[in-house]
Amino acid sequence: MDYKIKVITAIAVLGLLAMGCSQKEQPSSGGTNEGIAAGDRWLAVVDAQRYDESWEQACAFFKGVVPKEQWVSQVAGVRGPLGSVLSREVASAKYTKKLPGAPDGEYVVIQYQTKFQNKATAIETVTPMRDPDGVYRVSGYYIR
């Protein structure tokens, strides 16, 4: 199985942005810490294979673009074969107000260095965005 399969979500070109965020950055500005906390909480739900709940916890933009059934099917097809998470750490986190193909807003692009049971090295990119109520919720997810 090709583990470079992309989980296309609300931000279709997230992979291009992720390539530009490869240097380690300290979480320090613009809500970066809030975004990382939101990403960590959301990934715990995905790790527990509660994919329908992960959709429910995503931001309004995400839910407006990706139907729940489509999300559950895609994420189960990509994450299931990888097995359980053995380790994960933040490799980089970048605050931005603009992303290609997404509305202007407040985003944190987080790259995690992750080791899965069936894949020794993976980069997970999680992109929380600040919803209108001020809370960061995930708007994009990508594995390579």
N, C-alpha and C. Protein backbone atom coordinates (compact mmCIF):
# COMPACT_ATOMS: atom_id res chain seq x y z
N MET A 1 0.84 -1.18 0.00
CA MET A 1 0.00 0.00 0.00
C MET A 1 0.88 1.24 0.00
N ASP A 2 0.50 2.23 -0.75
CA ASP A 2 1.25 3.48 -0.83
C ASP A 2 0.83 4.37 0.33
N TYR A 3 1.74 4.53 1.31
CA TYR A 3 1.42 5.33 2.48
C TYR A 3 1.54 6.81 2.23
N LYS A 4 1.87 7.22 1.02
CA LYS A 4 1.92 8.64 0.70
C LYS A 4 0.57 9.14 0.22
N ILE A 5 -0.46 8.34 0.44
CA ILE A 5 -1.81 8.75 0.08
C ILE A 5 -2.17 9.99 0.88
N LYS A 6 -2.75 10.94 0.22
CA LYS A 6 -3.13 12.19 0.87
C LYS A 6 -4.58 12.08 1.36
N VAL A 7 -4.82 12.59 2.52
CA VAL A 7 -6.18 12.77 2.99
C VAL A 7 -6.53 14.21 2.62
N ILE A 8 -7.26 14.35 1.52
CA ILE A 8 -7.63 15.68 1.06
C ILE A 8 -8.82 16.15 1.90
N THR A 9 -8.66 17.29 2.52
CA THR A 9 -9.73 17.84 3.33
C THR A 9 -10.04 19.24 2.85
N ALA A 10 -10.36 20.09 3.76
CA ALA A 10 -10.80 21.43 3.40
C ALA A 10 -9.71 22.24 2.71
N ILE A 11 -8.46 21.96 2.97
CA ILE A 11 -7.37 22.72 2.35
C ILE A 11 -6.69 21.82 1.35
N ALA A 12 -7.10 21.92 0.10
CA ALA A 12 -6.66 21.01 -0.94
C ALA A 12 -5.17 21.09 -1.23
N VAL A 13 -4.56 22.21 -1.02
CA VAL A 13 -3.15 22.36 -1.34
C VAL A 13 -2.29 22.46 -0.09
N LEU A 14 -2.73 21.84 0.99
CA LEU A 14 -1.99 21.88 2.23
C LEU A 14 -0.59 21.30 2.08
N GLY A 15 -0.42 20.33 1.22
CA GLY A 15 0.89 19.72 1.01
C GLY A 15 1.92 20.73 0.54
N LEU A 16 1.54 21.66 -0.31
CA LEU A 16 2.47 22.68 -0.78
C LEU A 16 2.91 23.58 0.36
N LEU A 17 1.96 23.95 1.20
CA LEU A 17 2.30 24.78 2.34
C LEU A 17 3.18 24.02 3.32
N ALA A 18 2.89 22.75 3.52
CA ALA A 18 3.66 21.96 4.47
C ALA A 18 5.12 21.91 4.10
N MET A 19 5.42 21.88 2.82
CA MET A 19 6.81 21.85 2.39
C MET A 19 7.55 23.12 2.81
N GLY A 20 6.83 24.22 2.89
CA GLY A 20 7.44 25.48 3.29
C GLY A 20 7.57 25.64 4.79
N CYS A 21 7.11 24.68 5.57
CA CYS A 21 7.14 24.77 7.03
C CYS A 21 8.03 23.69 7.62
N SER A 22 9.11 23.36 6.98
CA SER A 22 9.91 22.23 7.42
C SER A 22 10.92 22.57 8.51
N GLN A 23 11.17 23.83 8.78
CA GLN A 23 12.15 24.17 9.80
C GLN A 23 11.48 24.24 11.15
N LYS A 24 12.22 23.79 12.17
CA LYS A 24 11.69 23.78 13.52
C LYS A 24 11.47 25.21 14.01
N GLU A 25 10.28 25.46 14.53
CA GLU A 25 9.94 26.78 15.04
C GLU A 25 9.41 26.65 16.45
N GLN A 26 9.66 27.63 17.26
CA GLN A 26 9.15 27.64 18.61
C GLN A 26 7.72 28.18 18.61
N PRO A 27 6.81 27.48 19.29
CA PRO A 27 5.46 28.01 19.40
C PRO A 27 5.48 29.29 20.22
N SER A 28 5.21 30.43 19.57
CA SER A 28 5.34 31.67 20.33
C SER A 28 4.35 32.75 19.97
N SER A 29 3.79 32.76 18.77
CA SER A 29 3.00 33.91 18.40
C SER A 29 1.67 33.54 17.78
N GLY A 30 0.74 34.49 17.85
CA GLY A 30 -0.51 34.39 17.12
C GLY A 30 -1.41 33.23 17.49
N GLY A 31 -1.30 32.71 18.69
CA GLY A 31 -2.17 31.59 19.04
C GLY A 31 -1.59 30.24 18.69
N THR A 32 -0.28 30.19 18.44
CA THR A 32 0.34 28.92 18.06
C THR A 32 0.12 27.87 19.14
N ASN A 33 0.30 28.23 20.40
CA ASN A 33 0.10 27.26 21.47
C ASN A 33 -1.33 26.74 21.51
N GLU A 34 -2.29 27.62 21.30
CA GLU A 34 -3.70 27.20 21.25
C GLU A 34 -3.93 26.23 20.09
N GLY A 35 -3.32 26.53 18.95
CA GLY A 35 -3.47 25.67 17.78
C GLY A 35 -2.87 24.30 18.02
N ILE A 36 -1.68 24.25 18.65
CA ILE A 36 -1.05 22.96 18.94
C ILE A 36 -1.92 22.16 19.90
N ALA A 37 -2.45 22.80 20.91
CA ALA A 37 -3.32 22.10 21.87
C ALA A 37 -4.54 21.52 21.15
N ALA A 38 -5.13 22.31 20.24
CA ALA A 38 -6.29 21.83 19.49
C ALA A 38 -5.90 20.65 18.58
N GLY A 39 -4.74 20.75 17.94
CA GLY A 39 -4.27 19.66 17.09
C GLY A 39 -4.03 18.39 17.88
N ASP A 40 -3.42 18.52 19.05
CA ASP A 40 -3.15 17.36 19.90
C ASP A 40 -4.44 16.68 20.33
N ARG A 41 -5.42 17.49 20.76
CA ARG A 41 -6.70 16.92 21.21
C ARG A 41 -7.40 16.19 20.06
N TRP A 42 -7.38 16.81 18.89
CA TRP A 42 -8.05 16.24 17.72
C TRP A 42 -7.37 14.95 17.29
N LEU A 43 -6.04 14.94 17.27
CA LEU A 43 -5.32 13.72 16.89
C LEU A 43 -5.60 12.58 17.86
N ALA A 44 -5.79 12.87 19.14
CA ALA A 44 -6.13 11.81 20.10
C ALA A 44 -7.44 11.13 19.72
N VAL A 45 -8.39 11.90 19.21
CA VAL A 45 -9.67 11.35 18.77
C VAL A 45 -9.46 10.47 17.53
N VAL A 46 -8.66 10.95 16.59
CA VAL A 46 -8.36 10.16 15.39
C VAL A 46 -7.60 8.89 15.77
N ASP A 47 -6.63 9.02 16.68
CA ASP A 47 -5.86 7.85 17.11
C ASP A 47 -6.76 6.78 17.72
N ALA A 48 -7.82 7.19 18.38
CA ALA A 48 -8.76 6.26 19.00
C ALA A 48 -9.77 5.70 17.99
N GLN A 49 -9.57 6.04 16.72
CA GLN A 49 -10.42 5.59 15.61
C GLN A 49 -11.87 6.07 15.76
N ARG A 50 -12.04 7.21 16.40
CA ARG A 50 -13.37 7.82 16.52
C ARG A 50 -13.48 8.87 15.42
N TYR A 51 -13.48 8.37 14.19
CA TYR A 51 -13.40 9.24 13.02
C TYR A 51 -14.63 10.13 12.87
N ASP A 52 -15.80 9.60 13.18
CA ASP A 52 -17.00 10.43 13.09
C ASP A 52 -16.93 11.57 14.09
N GLU A 53 -16.40 11.30 15.28
CA GLU A 53 -16.23 12.35 16.30
C GLU A 53 -15.18 13.38 15.86
N SER A 54 -14.13 12.91 15.15
CA SER A 54 -13.12 13.86 14.67
C SER A 54 -13.74 14.85 13.68
N TRP A 55 -14.67 14.38 12.87
CA TRP A 55 -15.37 15.28 11.95
C TRP A 55 -16.21 16.27 12.75
N GLU A 56 -16.91 15.78 13.77
CA GLU A 56 -17.75 16.66 14.60
C GLU A 56 -16.91 17.75 15.28
N GLN A 57 -15.67 17.43 15.62
CA GLN A 57 -14.81 18.37 16.32
C GLN A 57 -14.04 19.30 15.38
N ALA A 58 -14.15 19.08 14.08
CA ALA A 58 -13.45 19.92 13.11
C ALA A 58 -14.12 21.29 13.01
N CYS A 59 -13.44 22.24 12.37
CA CYS A 59 -13.98 23.59 12.24
C CYS A 59 -15.16 23.63 11.26
N ALA A 60 -15.89 24.70 11.32
CA ALA A 60 -17.08 24.86 10.47
C ALA A 60 -16.70 24.81 8.99
N PHE A 61 -15.58 25.42 8.62
CA PHE A 61 -15.14 25.41 7.22
C PHE A 61 -14.92 23.98 6.73
N PHE A 62 -14.23 23.19 7.52
CA PHE A 62 -13.97 21.78 7.20
C PHE A 62 -15.29 21.03 6.96
N LYS A 63 -16.21 21.16 7.92
CA LYS A 63 -17.48 20.43 7.83
C LYS A 63 -18.32 20.90 6.65
N GLY A 64 -18.14 22.15 6.24
CA GLY A 64 -18.87 22.66 5.09
C GLY A 64 -18.33 22.16 3.76
N VAL A 65 -17.08 21.70 3.75
CA VAL A 65 -16.43 21.26 2.52
C VAL A 65 -16.38 19.74 2.40
N VAL A 66 -16.19 19.04 3.52
CA VAL A 66 -16.02 17.59 3.51
C VAL A 66 -17.21 16.94 4.21
N PRO A 67 -18.05 16.21 3.47
CA PRO A 67 -19.16 15.50 4.12
C PRO A 67 -18.64 14.47 5.12
N LYS A 68 -19.39 14.27 6.18
CA LYS A 68 -18.97 13.38 7.26
C LYS A 68 -18.65 11.97 6.75
N GLU A 69 -19.51 11.41 5.92
CA GLU A 69 -19.30 10.05 5.43
C GLU A 69 -18.02 9.94 4.62
N GLN A 70 -17.74 10.96 3.81
CA GLN A 70 -16.52 10.99 3.01
C GLN A 70 -15.30 11.04 3.91
N TRP A 71 -15.33 11.90 4.92
CA TRP A 71 -14.21 12.02 5.85
C TRP A 71 -13.95 10.69 6.56
N VAL A 72 -14.99 10.08 7.10
CA VAL A 72 -14.83 8.83 7.84
C VAL A 72 -14.21 7.76 6.95
N SER A 73 -14.69 7.65 5.73
CA SER A 73 -14.17 6.66 4.79
C SER A 73 -12.70 6.93 4.45
N GLN A 74 -12.37 8.18 4.15
CA GLN A 74 -11.00 8.53 3.77
C GLN A 74 -10.01 8.31 4.91
N VAL A 75 -10.33 8.81 6.06
CA VAL A 75 -9.38 8.73 7.16
C VAL A 75 -9.22 7.28 7.63
N ALA A 76 -10.28 6.51 7.63
CA ALA A 76 -10.17 5.10 8.02
C ALA A 76 -9.30 4.34 7.02
N GLY A 77 -9.43 4.66 5.75
CA GLY A 77 -8.65 3.99 4.71
C GLY A 77 -7.17 4.31 4.76
N VAL A 78 -6.84 5.49 5.26
CA VAL A 78 -5.43 5.90 5.33
C VAL A 78 -4.83 5.56 6.69
N ARG A 79 -5.52 5.89 7.75
CA ARG A 79 -4.94 5.69 9.09
C ARG A 79 -5.00 4.23 9.55
N GLY A 80 -6.05 3.53 9.22
CA GLY A 80 -6.20 2.14 9.66
C GLY A 80 -4.99 1.27 9.38
N PRO A 81 -4.50 1.23 8.15
CA PRO A 81 -3.36 0.37 7.83
C PRO A 81 -2.05 0.77 8.53
N LEU A 82 -1.96 1.99 9.01
CA LEU A 82 -0.73 2.44 9.67
C LEU A 82 -0.58 1.84 11.06
N GLY A 83 -1.66 1.42 11.66
CA GLY A 83 -1.61 0.87 13.01
C GLY A 83 -1.58 1.97 14.06
N SER A 84 -1.28 1.56 15.27
CA SER A 84 -1.30 2.51 16.38
C SER A 84 -0.09 3.44 16.34
N VAL A 85 -0.24 4.57 17.01
CA VAL A 85 0.84 5.55 17.11
C VAL A 85 1.80 5.10 18.20
N LEU A 86 3.07 5.00 17.84
CA LEU A 86 4.10 4.63 18.81
C LEU A 86 4.76 5.87 19.41
N SER A 87 4.90 6.92 18.62
CA SER A 87 5.43 8.19 19.13
C SER A 87 5.02 9.31 18.19
N ARG A 88 4.94 10.50 18.75
CA ARG A 88 4.59 11.69 17.96
C ARG A 88 5.14 12.91 18.68
N GLU A 89 5.81 13.78 17.93
CA GLU A 89 6.26 15.05 18.51
C GLU A 89 6.13 16.16 17.48
N VAL A 90 5.91 17.35 17.98
CA VAL A 90 5.80 18.51 17.11
C VAL A 90 7.18 18.79 16.51
N ALA A 91 7.24 18.80 15.19
CA ALA A 91 8.48 19.14 14.48
C ALA A 91 8.51 20.62 14.13
N SER A 92 7.35 21.19 13.82
CA SER A 92 7.26 22.62 13.52
C SER A 92 5.83 23.08 13.72
N ALA A 93 5.69 24.36 13.96
CA ALA A 93 4.37 24.98 14.08
C ALA A 93 4.49 26.41 13.59
N LYS A 94 3.62 26.79 12.69
CA LYS A 94 3.69 28.13 12.10
C LYS A 94 2.31 28.77 12.08
N TYR A 95 2.22 29.95 12.63
CA TYR A 95 0.99 30.74 12.61
C TYR A 95 0.94 31.51 11.29
N THR A 96 -0.24 31.54 10.66
CA THR A 96 -0.41 32.30 9.43
C THR A 96 -1.87 32.75 9.32
N LYS A 97 -2.08 33.79 8.54
CA LYS A 97 -3.44 34.28 8.30
C LYS A 97 -3.94 33.95 6.90
N LYS A 98 -3.07 33.39 6.07
CA LYS A 98 -3.45 33.07 4.70
C LYS A 98 -2.91 31.70 4.33
N LEU A 99 -3.76 30.93 3.67
CA LEU A 99 -3.36 29.63 3.13
C LEU A 99 -3.91 29.52 1.71
N PRO A 100 -3.18 28.89 0.81
CA PRO A 100 -3.69 28.70 -0.55
C PRO A 100 -4.99 27.89 -0.53
N GLY A 101 -5.98 28.37 -1.24
CA GLY A 101 -7.24 27.64 -1.38
C GLY A 101 -8.15 27.69 -0.18
N ALA A 102 -7.84 28.53 0.79
CA ALA A 102 -8.66 28.63 2.00
C ALA A 102 -8.96 30.09 2.28
N PRO A 103 -10.07 30.35 2.97
CA PRO A 103 -10.38 31.75 3.29
C PRO A 103 -9.35 32.32 4.26
N ASP A 104 -9.14 33.63 4.22
CA ASP A 104 -8.25 34.26 5.19
C ASP A 104 -8.81 34.00 6.59
N GLY A 105 -7.92 33.85 7.51
CA GLY A 105 -8.30 33.57 8.89
C GLY A 105 -7.05 33.40 9.72
N GLU A 106 -7.18 32.77 10.85
CA GLU A 106 -6.05 32.49 11.72
C GLU A 106 -5.82 30.99 11.74
N TYR A 107 -4.65 30.57 11.27
CA TYR A 107 -4.31 29.16 11.15
C TYR A 107 -3.00 28.88 11.87
N VAL A 108 -2.84 27.64 12.30
CA VAL A 108 -1.55 27.15 12.78
C VAL A 108 -1.28 25.87 12.00
N VAL A 109 -0.22 25.88 11.22
CA VAL A 109 0.18 24.71 10.44
C VAL A 109 1.19 23.95 11.29
N ILE A 110 0.82 22.76 11.73
CA ILE A 110 1.64 21.96 12.63
C ILE A 110 2.11 20.72 11.90
N GLN A 111 3.40 20.45 11.96
CA GLN A 111 3.92 19.19 11.44
C GLN A 111 4.41 18.36 12.62
N TYR A 112 3.91 17.14 12.65
CA TYR A 112 4.30 16.18 13.67
C TYR A 112 5.18 15.11 13.04
N GLN A 113 6.25 14.76 13.72
CA GLN A 113 7.07 13.60 13.34
C GLN A 113 6.44 12.42 14.08
N THR A 114 5.88 11.48 13.33
CA THR A 114 5.11 10.40 13.93
C THR A 114 5.66 9.05 13.52
N LYS A 115 5.67 8.14 14.48
CA LYS A 115 6.05 6.75 14.23
C LYS A 115 4.81 5.90 14.50
N PHE A 116 4.37 5.18 13.47
CA PHE A 116 3.23 4.29 13.58
C PHE A 116 3.71 2.85 13.70
N GLN A 117 2.85 1.99 14.12
CA GLN A 117 3.15 0.57 14.24
C GLN A 117 3.63 0.00 12.90
N ASN A 118 3.01 0.41 11.80
CA ASN A 118 3.34 -0.14 10.48
C ASN A 118 4.03 0.84 9.55
N LYS A 119 4.49 1.96 10.09
CA LYS A 119 5.23 2.94 9.30
C LYS A 119 6.16 3.69 10.25
N ALA A 120 7.45 3.46 10.07
CA ALA A 120 8.43 3.98 11.01
C ALA A 120 8.56 5.50 10.98
N THR A 121 8.41 6.10 9.81
CA THR A 121 8.58 7.55 9.71
C THR A 121 7.45 8.15 8.90
N ALA A 122 6.74 9.08 9.51
CA ALA A 122 5.66 9.79 8.81
C ALA A 122 5.65 11.23 9.30
N ILE A 123 5.19 12.10 8.44
CA ILE A 123 4.94 13.49 8.81
C ILE A 123 3.43 13.70 8.72
N GLU A 124 2.84 14.07 9.84
CA GLU A 124 1.42 14.42 9.85
C GLU A 124 1.36 15.94 9.91
N THR A 125 0.57 16.52 9.02
CA THR A 125 0.35 17.96 9.05
C THR A 125 -1.10 18.19 9.45
N VAL A 126 -1.27 18.92 10.53
CA VAL A 126 -2.60 19.25 11.06
C VAL A 126 -2.71 20.76 11.05
N THR A 127 -3.82 21.27 10.55
CA THR A 127 -3.99 22.72 10.46
C THR A 127 -5.26 23.17 11.18
N PRO A 128 -5.12 23.53 12.44
CA PRO A 128 -6.25 24.15 13.13
C PRO A 128 -6.45 25.59 12.64
N MET A 129 -7.71 26.02 12.63
CA MET A 129 -8.02 27.42 12.34
C MET A 129 -8.94 27.94 13.43
N ARG A 130 -8.88 29.23 13.66
CA ARG A 130 -9.75 29.83 14.68
C ARG A 130 -11.14 30.01 14.08
N ASP A 131 -12.11 29.35 14.69
CA ASP A 131 -13.50 29.48 14.27
C ASP A 131 -14.06 30.82 14.73
N PRO A 132 -15.21 31.24 14.20
CA PRO A 132 -15.79 32.53 14.60
C PRO A 132 -16.02 32.69 16.10
N ASP A 133 -16.17 31.57 16.84
CA ASP A 133 -16.36 31.67 18.29
C ASP A 133 -15.04 31.83 19.03
N GLY A 134 -13.92 31.92 18.30
CA GLY A 134 -12.62 32.15 18.91
C GLY A 134 -11.85 30.89 19.26
N VAL A 135 -12.44 29.71 19.02
CA VAL A 135 -11.81 28.44 19.37
C VAL A 135 -11.11 27.85 18.15
N TYR A 136 -9.88 27.35 18.35
CA TYR A 136 -9.17 26.66 17.27
C TYR A 136 -9.74 25.26 17.10
N ARG A 137 -10.05 24.93 15.83
CA ARG A 137 -10.52 23.60 15.46
C ARG A 137 -9.83 23.21 14.16
N VAL A 138 -9.65 21.92 13.94
CA VAL A 138 -8.89 21.45 12.79
C VAL A 138 -9.62 21.72 11.49
N SER A 139 -8.85 22.23 10.51
CA SER A 139 -9.39 22.50 9.18
C SER A 139 -8.73 21.65 8.10
N GLY A 140 -7.65 20.97 8.44
CA GLY A 140 -6.97 20.16 7.44
C GLY A 140 -6.07 19.12 8.07
N TYR A 141 -5.89 18.00 7.38
CA TYR A 141 -5.05 16.89 7.85
C TYR A 141 -4.43 16.22 6.65
N TYR A 142 -3.13 15.93 6.75
CA TYR A 142 -2.37 15.38 5.64
C TYR A 142 -1.28 14.49 6.20
N ILE A 143 -1.07 13.34 5.61
CA ILE A 143 -0.01 12.42 6.03
C ILE A 143 0.91 12.17 4.85
N ARG A 144 2.22 12.22 5.11
CA ARG A 144 3.16 11.77 4.08
C ARG A 144 4.28 11.01 4.75
